[in-house]
Protein backbone atom coordinates (compact mmCIF):
# COMPACT_ATOMS: atom_id res chain seq x y z
CA MET A 1 29.26 132.64 -27.62
CA ALA A 2 25.50 132.49 -27.31
CA PHE A 3 23.01 134.84 -28.90
CA ALA A 4 23.00 138.28 -27.23
CA GLN A 5 19.59 139.98 -27.32
CA LYS A 6 21.19 143.38 -26.64
CA ASN A 7 23.03 143.12 -29.98
CA LEU A 8 19.83 142.66 -32.06
CA THR A 9 18.23 145.95 -33.07
CA CYS A 10 15.20 146.57 -35.25
CA VAL A 11 16.13 149.49 -37.50
CA ASP A 12 13.08 149.61 -39.76
CA SER A 13 9.76 147.93 -40.33
CA GLY A 14 7.09 148.22 -42.94
CA GLY A 15 4.15 146.09 -43.84
CA ASP A 16 4.76 142.59 -42.59
CA ASN A 17 8.56 142.70 -42.45
CA SER A 18 11.32 144.27 -40.39
CA LEU A 19 15.03 144.86 -40.82
CA PHE A 20 17.34 144.00 -37.94
CA LEU A 21 21.02 144.64 -37.30
CA TYR A 22 22.99 142.10 -35.27
CA THR A 23 26.63 142.17 -34.27
CA THR A 24 28.63 139.36 -32.71
CA THR A 25 32.17 138.07 -32.44
CA VAL A 26 31.11 134.48 -33.15
CA ASP A 27 31.55 132.85 -36.54
CA ASP A 28 28.89 132.78 -39.23
CA THR A 29 28.50 129.00 -38.96
CA THR A 30 27.34 129.38 -35.35
CA VAL A 31 24.94 132.22 -36.21
CA GLU A 32 23.45 130.09 -39.01
CA THR A 33 22.77 127.17 -36.64
CA PRO A 34 19.04 126.45 -36.22
CA ASP A 35 17.66 128.08 -33.06
CA TYR A 36 20.59 130.47 -32.58
CA PHE A 37 17.98 133.27 -32.49
CA LEU A 38 15.40 131.22 -30.53
CA SER A 39 15.22 133.59 -27.57
CA ALA A 40 14.19 136.36 -30.01
CA TYR A 41 11.39 134.34 -31.65
CA ALA A 42 8.67 136.75 -30.45
CA GLN A 43 10.51 139.65 -32.10
CA LEU A 44 11.28 137.92 -35.42
CA ARG A 45 8.75 137.10 -38.13
CA VAL A 46 9.04 134.97 -41.24
CA GLY A 47 10.43 137.17 -44.02
CA ASP A 48 12.30 139.56 -41.72
CA TRP A 49 15.88 140.43 -42.65
CA ILE A 50 18.89 140.34 -40.34
CA LEU A 51 22.04 142.15 -41.41
CA ALA A 52 24.75 140.61 -39.26
CA ASN A 53 28.33 141.59 -38.53
CA VAL A 54 29.94 138.18 -37.88
CA SER A 55 33.39 136.62 -37.72
CA THR A 56 34.48 134.39 -40.61
CA GLY A 57 37.81 132.77 -40.00
CA GLY A 58 38.78 135.55 -37.62
CA THR A 59 37.84 138.28 -40.11
CA ARG A 60 34.81 140.52 -39.59
CA GLU A 61 32.24 140.24 -42.36
CA GLY A 62 28.72 141.48 -43.04
CA LYS A 63 26.12 138.88 -44.01
CA ALA A 64 22.42 139.12 -44.83
CA TYR A 65 19.92 136.55 -43.59
CA ILE A 66 16.20 136.03 -44.06
CA VAL A 67 14.07 134.49 -41.33
CA LEU A 68 12.50 131.23 -42.59
CA THR A 69 10.73 130.12 -39.41
CA SER A 70 10.07 131.84 -36.11
CA ALA A 71 8.17 130.15 -33.30
CA SER A 72 8.70 129.22 -29.67
CA THR A 73 9.73 125.78 -30.94
CA GLY A 74 12.37 127.00 -33.36
CA VAL A 75 13.91 129.79 -35.41
CA THR A 76 15.74 129.22 -38.68
CA ILE A 77 17.48 131.70 -40.93
CA LYS A 78 19.10 131.42 -44.34
CA PHE A 79 22.03 133.33 -45.80
CA GLN A 80 20.94 135.46 -48.75
CA SER A 81 23.32 136.90 -51.29
CA VAL A 82 22.45 140.52 -51.99
CA SER A 83 24.80 141.06 -54.91
């Protein structure tokens, strides 16, 4: 399943960063693929956080990501442990 803009919501912003929620039925490996969030590049900034509800092996799981790059030529994110 491709990225769904309607499932990405900015829930808070302050200073230079924002916090987004994203929910999908696709697996975390797909979400972590470079450019998965490309169509949202204008909304995302480097350092923003995305809390995602993803599927891992058929089980729903919450994961936290930080935006590493965000431009019309590419968007990359990285899983961040918050424990």
